[in-house]
Amino acid sequence: MKIYKINPNDTEEFYKSIGCESAGAKILSSKSHINTLFIKDLHTGAANILKKLCKTTQFMKM
């Protein structure tokens, strides 16, 4: 597993580079104002746990 921090100014281009359509990339980019991390080779189960953690705790506000 590798973790990459995405520059806030580059989020829209990053989302396009991983296959998002332009409209989706624009929406995701507008929501990526805190920290955007790209975690490569993360197991699906671990990704779901991380997503739940972000929704239910102060994890995203640290």
PDB file of N, CA and C in Angstrom:
ATOM      1  N   MET A   1       0.843  -1.168   0.000  1.00  0.00           N
ATOM      2  CA  MET A   1       0.000   0.000   0.000  1.00  0.00           C
ATOM      3  C   MET A   1       0.893   1.237   0.000  1.00  0.00           C
ATOM      4  N   LYS A   2       0.550   2.204  -0.820  1.00  0.00           N
ATOM      5  CA  LYS A   2       1.272   3.471  -0.875  1.00  0.00           C
ATOM      6  C   LYS A   2       0.264   4.602  -0.724  1.00  0.00           C
ATOM      7  N   ILE A   3       0.640   5.637   0.017  1.00  0.00           N
ATOM      8  CA  ILE A   3      -0.238   6.784   0.255  1.00  0.00           C
ATOM      9  C   ILE A   3       0.396   8.012  -0.378  1.00  0.00           C
ATOM     10  N   TYR A   4      -0.407   8.746  -1.154  1.00  0.00           N
ATOM     11  CA  TYR A   4       0.049   9.964  -1.822  1.00  0.00           C
ATOM     12  C   TYR A   4      -0.856  11.122  -1.421  1.00  0.00           C
ATOM     13  N   LYS A   5      -0.276  12.258  -1.022  1.00  0.00           N
ATOM     14  CA  LYS A   5      -1.066  13.460  -0.746  1.00  0.00           C
ATOM     15  C   LYS A   5      -1.222  14.216  -2.055  1.00  0.00           C
ATOM     16  N   ILE A   6      -2.447  14.559  -2.378  1.00  0.00           N
ATOM     17  CA  ILE A   6      -2.747  15.274  -3.616  1.00  0.00           C
ATOM     18  C   ILE A   6      -2.838  16.769  -3.315  1.00  0.00           C
ATOM     19  N   ASN A   7      -2.138  17.571  -4.089  1.00  0.00           N
ATOM     20  CA  ASN A   7      -2.182  19.024  -3.949  1.00  0.00           C
ATOM     21  C   ASN A   7      -3.606  19.503  -4.216  1.00  0.00           C
ATOM     22  N   PRO A   8      -4.171  20.345  -3.338  1.00  0.00           N
ATOM     23  CA  PRO A   8      -5.546  20.828  -3.534  1.00  0.00           C
ATOM     24  C   PRO A   8      -5.775  21.503  -4.888  1.00  0.00           C
ATOM     25  N   ASN A   9      -4.741  22.084  -5.466  1.00  0.00           N
ATOM     26  CA  ASN A   9      -4.883  22.735  -6.768  1.00  0.00           C
ATOM     27  C   ASN A   9      -4.941  21.741  -7.922  1.00  0.00           C
ATOM     28  N   ASP A  10      -4.591  20.488  -7.653  1.00  0.00           N
ATOM     29  CA  ASP A  10      -4.522  19.475  -8.705  1.00  0.00           C
ATOM     30  C   ASP A  10      -5.607  18.408  -8.607  1.00  0.00           C
ATOM     31  N   THR A  11      -6.571  18.577  -7.702  1.00  0.00           N
ATOM     32  CA  THR A  11      -7.529  17.493  -7.476  1.00  0.00           C
ATOM     33  C   THR A  11      -8.385  17.191  -8.698  1.00  0.00           C
ATOM     34  N   GLU A  12      -8.856  18.203  -9.402  1.00  0.00           N
ATOM     35  CA  GLU A  12      -9.715  17.946 -10.563  1.00  0.00           C
ATOM     36  C   GLU A  12      -8.968  17.146 -11.629  1.00  0.00           C
ATOM     37  N   GLU A  13      -7.737  17.515 -11.913  1.00  0.00           N
ATOM     38  CA  GLU A  13      -6.936  16.770 -12.893  1.00  0.00           C
ATOM     39  C   GLU A  13      -6.625  15.362 -12.395  1.00  0.00           C
ATOM     40  N   PHE A  14      -6.386  15.233 -11.090  1.00  0.00           N
ATOM     41  CA  PHE A  14      -6.121  13.908 -10.537  1.00  0.00           C
ATOM     42  C   PHE A  14      -7.326  12.990 -10.732  1.00  0.00           C
ATOM     43  N   TYR A  15      -8.525  13.477 -10.398  1.00  0.00           N
ATOM     44  CA  TYR A  15      -9.721  12.642 -10.549  1.00  0.00           C
ATOM     45  C   TYR A  15      -9.927  12.231 -12.006  1.00  0.00           C
ATOM     46  N   LYS A  16      -9.656  13.122 -12.925  1.00  0.00           N
ATOM     47  CA  LYS A  16      -9.759  12.774 -14.346  1.00  0.00           C
ATOM     48  C   LYS A  16      -8.740  11.696 -14.709  1.00  0.00           C
ATOM     49  N   SER A  17      -7.546  11.784 -14.127  1.00  0.00           N
ATOM     50  CA  SER A  17      -6.485  10.822 -14.462  1.00  0.00           C
ATOM     51  C   SER A  17      -6.789   9.405 -13.974  1.00  0.00           C
ATOM     52  N   ILE A  18      -7.668   9.273 -12.971  1.00  0.00           N
ATOM     53  CA  ILE A  18      -8.019   7.929 -12.495  1.00  0.00           C
ATOM     54  C   ILE A  18      -9.359   7.466 -13.055  1.00  0.00           C
ATOM     55  N   GLY A  19      -9.888   8.201 -14.046  1.00  0.00           N
ATOM     56  CA  GLY A  19     -11.049   7.720 -14.783  1.00  0.00           C
ATOM     57  C   GLY A  19     -12.368   8.410 -14.529  1.00  0.00           C
ATOM     58  N   CYS A  20     -12.403   9.442 -13.720  1.00  0.00           N
ATOM     59  CA  CYS A  20     -13.658  10.174 -13.502  1.00  0.00           C
ATOM     60  C   CYS A  20     -13.983  11.013 -14.732  1.00  0.00           C
ATOM     61  N   GLU A  21     -15.263  11.129 -15.025  1.00  0.00           N
ATOM     62  CA  GLU A  21     -15.681  12.027 -16.097  1.00  0.00           C
ATOM     63  C   GLU A  21     -15.516  13.463 -15.619  1.00  0.00           C
ATOM     64  N   SER A  22     -15.502  14.398 -16.539  1.00  0.00           N
ATOM     65  CA  SER A  22     -15.254  15.806 -16.201  1.00  0.00           C
ATOM     66  C   SER A  22     -16.221  16.338 -15.155  1.00  0.00           C
ATOM     67  N   ALA A  23     -17.510  16.043 -15.316  1.00  0.00           N
ATOM     68  CA  ALA A  23     -18.510  16.546 -14.361  1.00  0.00           C
ATOM     69  C   ALA A  23     -18.267  15.965 -12.970  1.00  0.00           C
ATOM     70  N   GLY A  24     -17.990  14.669 -12.905  1.00  0.00           N
ATOM     71  CA  GLY A  24     -17.724  14.027 -11.618  1.00  0.00           C
ATOM     72  C   GLY A  24     -16.454  14.549 -10.977  1.00  0.00           C
ATOM     73  N   ALA A  25     -15.425  14.770 -11.792  1.00  0.00           N
ATOM     74  CA  ALA A  25     -14.160  15.297 -11.282  1.00  0.00           C
ATOM     75  C   ALA A  25     -14.355  16.688 -10.694  1.00  0.00           C
ATOM     76  N   LYS A  26     -15.193  17.488 -11.332  1.00  0.00           N
ATOM     77  CA  LYS A  26     -15.456  18.845 -10.833  1.00  0.00           C
ATOM     78  C   LYS A  26     -16.170  18.795  -9.484  1.00  0.00           C
ATOM     79  N   ILE A  27     -17.161  17.901  -9.360  1.00  0.00           N
ATOM     80  CA  ILE A  27     -17.904  17.761  -8.102  1.00  0.00           C
ATOM     81  C   ILE A  27     -16.977  17.273  -6.992  1.00  0.00           C
ATOM     82  N   LEU A  28     -16.213  16.215  -7.268  1.00  0.00           N
ATOM     83  CA  LEU A  28     -15.297  15.681  -6.261  1.00  0.00           C
ATOM     84  C   LEU A  28     -14.244  16.709  -5.869  1.00  0.00           C
ATOM     85  N   SER A  29     -13.758  17.455  -6.840  1.00  0.00           N
ATOM     86  CA  SER A  29     -12.737  18.457  -6.575  1.00  0.00           C
ATOM     87  C   SER A  29     -13.254  19.536  -5.624  1.00  0.00           C
ATOM     88  N   SER A  30     -14.518  19.920  -5.795  1.00  0.00           N
ATOM     89  CA  SER A  30     -15.087  20.949  -4.918  1.00  0.00           C
ATOM     90  C   SER A  30     -15.232  20.449  -3.485  1.00  0.00           C
ATOM     91  N   LYS A  31     -15.255  19.127  -3.288  1.00  0.00           N
ATOM     92  CA  LYS A  31     -15.372  18.545  -1.952  1.00  0.00           C
ATOM     93  C   LYS A  31     -14.014  18.170  -1.372  1.00  0.00           C
ATOM     94  N   SER A  32     -12.957  18.418  -2.092  1.00  0.00           N
ATOM     95  CA  SER A  32     -11.611  17.994  -1.686  1.00  0.00           C
ATOM     96  C   SER A  32     -10.799  19.143  -1.120  1.00  0.00           C
ATOM     97  N   HIS A  33     -11.413  19.977  -0.304  1.00  0.00           N
ATOM     98  CA  HIS A  33     -10.725  21.165   0.176  1.00  0.00           C
ATOM     99  C   HIS A  33      -9.937  20.945   1.464  1.00  0.00           C
ATOM    100  N   ILE A  34     -10.079  19.808   2.118  1.00  0.00           N
ATOM    101  CA  ILE A  34      -9.327  19.578   3.354  1.00  0.00           C
ATOM    102  C   ILE A  34      -8.011  18.883   3.021  1.00  0.00           C
ATOM    103  N   ASN A  35      -8.046  17.593   2.853  1.00  0.00           N
ATOM    104  CA  ASN A  35      -6.881  16.803   2.458  1.00  0.00           C
ATOM    105  C   ASN A  35      -7.342  15.707   1.526  1.00  0.00           C
ATOM    106  N   THR A  36      -6.684  15.565   0.430  1.00  0.00           N
ATOM    107  CA  THR A  36      -6.994  14.484  -0.500  1.00  0.00           C
ATOM    108  C   THR A  36      -5.815  13.534  -0.502  1.00  0.00           C
ATOM    109  N   LEU A  37      -6.106  12.289  -0.170  1.00  0.00           N
ATOM    110  CA  LEU A  37      -5.078  11.260  -0.165  1.00  0.00           C
ATOM    111  C   LEU A  37      -5.442  10.199  -1.181  1.00  0.00           C
ATOM    112  N   PHE A  38      -4.462   9.722  -1.905  1.00  0.00           N
ATOM    113  CA  PHE A  38      -4.639   8.613  -2.833  1.00  0.00           C
ATOM    114  C   PHE A  38      -3.900   7.442  -2.216  1.00  0.00           C
ATOM    115  N   ILE A  39      -4.632   6.395  -1.867  1.00  0.00           N
ATOM    116  CA  ILE A  39      -4.034   5.222  -1.249  1.00  0.00           C
ATOM    117  C   ILE A  39      -4.060   4.107  -2.278  1.00  0.00           C
ATOM    118  N   LYS A  40      -2.904   3.790  -2.808  1.00  0.00           N
ATOM    119  CA  LYS A  40      -2.795   2.786  -3.863  1.00  0.00           C
ATOM    120  C   LYS A  40      -2.713   1.393  -3.251  1.00  0.00           C
ATOM    121  N   ASP A  41      -3.395   0.441  -3.884  1.00  0.00           N
ATOM    122  CA  ASP A  41      -3.389  -0.964  -3.465  1.00  0.00           C
ATOM    123  C   ASP A  41      -4.000  -1.172  -2.084  1.00  0.00           C
ATOM    124  N   LEU A  42      -4.999  -0.387  -1.732  1.00  0.00           N
ATOM    125  CA  LEU A  42      -5.712  -0.560  -0.468  1.00  0.00           C
ATOM    126  C   LEU A  42      -6.812  -1.587  -0.679  1.00  0.00           C
ATOM    127  N   HIS A  43      -6.877  -2.586   0.186  1.00  0.00           N
ATOM    128  CA  HIS A  43      -7.899  -3.629   0.093  1.00  0.00           C
ATOM    129  C   HIS A  43      -9.284  -2.997   0.251  1.00  0.00           C
ATOM    130  N   THR A  44     -10.265  -3.515  -0.476  1.00  0.00           N
ATOM    131  CA  THR A  44     -11.619  -2.963  -0.463  1.00  0.00           C
ATOM    132  C   THR A  44     -12.188  -2.908   0.950  1.00  0.00           C
ATOM    133  N   GLY A  45     -11.998  -3.944   1.722  1.00  0.00           N
ATOM    134  CA  GLY A  45     -12.498  -3.957   3.099  1.00  0.00           C
ATOM    135  C   GLY A  45     -11.891  -2.847   3.930  1.00  0.00           C
ATOM    136  N   ALA A  46     -10.598  -2.635   3.773  1.00  0.00           N
ATOM    137  CA  ALA A  46      -9.923  -1.561   4.500  1.00  0.00           C
ATOM    138  C   ALA A  46     -10.428  -0.196   4.047  1.00  0.00           C
ATOM    139  N   ALA A  47     -10.712  -0.052   2.759  1.00  0.00           N
ATOM    140  CA  ALA A  47     -11.245   1.214   2.244  1.00  0.00           C
ATOM    141  C   ALA A  47     -12.612   1.506   2.850  1.00  0.00           C
ATOM    142  N   ASN A  48     -13.457   0.488   2.981  1.00  0.00           N
ATOM    143  CA  ASN A  48     -14.777   0.682   3.582  1.00  0.00           C
ATOM    144  C   ASN A  48     -14.671   1.064   5.053  1.00  0.00           C
ATOM    145  N   ILE A  49     -13.742   0.451   5.772  1.00  0.00           N
ATOM    146  CA  ILE A  49     -13.535   0.813   7.175  1.00  0.00           C
ATOM    147  C   ILE A  49     -13.058   2.253   7.281  1.00  0.00           C
ATOM    148  N   LEU A  50     -12.119   2.650   6.436  1.00  0.00           N
ATOM    149  CA  LEU A  50     -11.611   4.023   6.441  1.00  0.00           C
ATOM    150  C   LEU A  50     -12.726   5.012   6.132  1.00  0.00           C
ATOM    151  N   LYS A  51     -13.579   4.684   5.162  1.00  0.00           N
ATOM    152  CA  LYS A  51     -14.697   5.559   4.803  1.00  0.00           C
ATOM    153  C   LYS A  51     -15.642   5.728   5.993  1.00  0.00           C
ATOM    154  N   LYS A  52     -15.973   4.632   6.670  1.00  0.00           N
ATOM    155  CA  LYS A  52     -16.863   4.705   7.834  1.00  0.00           C
ATOM    156  C   LYS A  52     -16.224   5.506   8.952  1.00  0.00           C
ATOM    157  N   LEU A  53     -14.929   5.327   9.152  1.00  0.00           N
ATOM    158  CA  LEU A  53     -14.216   6.081  10.172  1.00  0.00           C
ATOM    159  C   LEU A  53     -14.305   7.578   9.892  1.00  0.00           C
ATOM    160  N   CYS A  54     -14.134   7.957   8.645  1.00  0.00           N
ATOM    161  CA  CYS A  54     -14.188   9.372   8.268  1.00  0.00           C
ATOM    162  C   CYS A  54     -15.580   9.956   8.482  1.00  0.00           C
ATOM    163  N   LYS A  55     -16.615   9.161   8.272  1.00  0.00           N
ATOM    164  CA  LYS A  55     -17.983   9.650   8.416  1.00  0.00           C
ATOM    165  C   LYS A  55     -18.423   9.731   9.870  1.00  0.00           C
ATOM    166  N   THR A  56     -17.877   8.884  10.743  1.00  0.00           N
ATOM    167  CA  THR A  56     -18.413   8.770  12.097  1.00  0.00           C
ATOM    168  C   THR A  56     -17.544   9.390  13.176  1.00  0.00           C
ATOM    169  N   THR A  57     -16.382   9.910  12.841  1.00  0.00           N
ATOM    170  CA  THR A  57     -15.499  10.482  13.859  1.00  0.00           C
ATOM    171  C   THR A  57     -15.004  11.846  13.408  1.00  0.00           C
ATOM    172  N   GLN A  58     -14.160  12.414  14.214  1.00  0.00           N
ATOM    173  CA  GLN A  58     -13.545  13.695  13.876  1.00  0.00           C
ATOM    174  C   GLN A  58     -12.302  13.500  13.023  1.00  0.00           C
ATOM    175  N   PHE A  59     -12.119  12.305  12.477  1.00  0.00           N
ATOM    176  CA  PHE A  59     -10.926  11.963  11.698  1.00  0.00           C
ATOM    177  C   PHE A  59     -10.608  13.016  10.645  1.00  0.00           C
ATOM    178  N   MET A  60     -11.613  13.481   9.902  1.00  0.00           N
ATOM    179  CA  MET A  60     -11.375  14.425   8.814  1.00  0.00           C
ATOM    180  C   MET A  60     -11.047  15.827   9.319  1.00  0.00           C
ATOM    181  N   LYS A  61     -11.289  16.118  10.599  1.00  0.00           N
ATOM    182  CA  LYS A  61     -11.055  17.468  11.108  1.00  0.00           C
ATOM    183  C   LYS A  61      -9.719  17.597  11.821  1.00  0.00           C
ATOM    184  N   MET A  62      -8.921  16.529  11.823  1.00  0.00           N
ATOM    185  CA  MET A  62      -7.613  16.581  12.486  1.00  0.00           C
ATOM    186  C   MET A  62      -6.642  17.405  11.689  1.00  0.00           C
TER     187      MET A  62
END
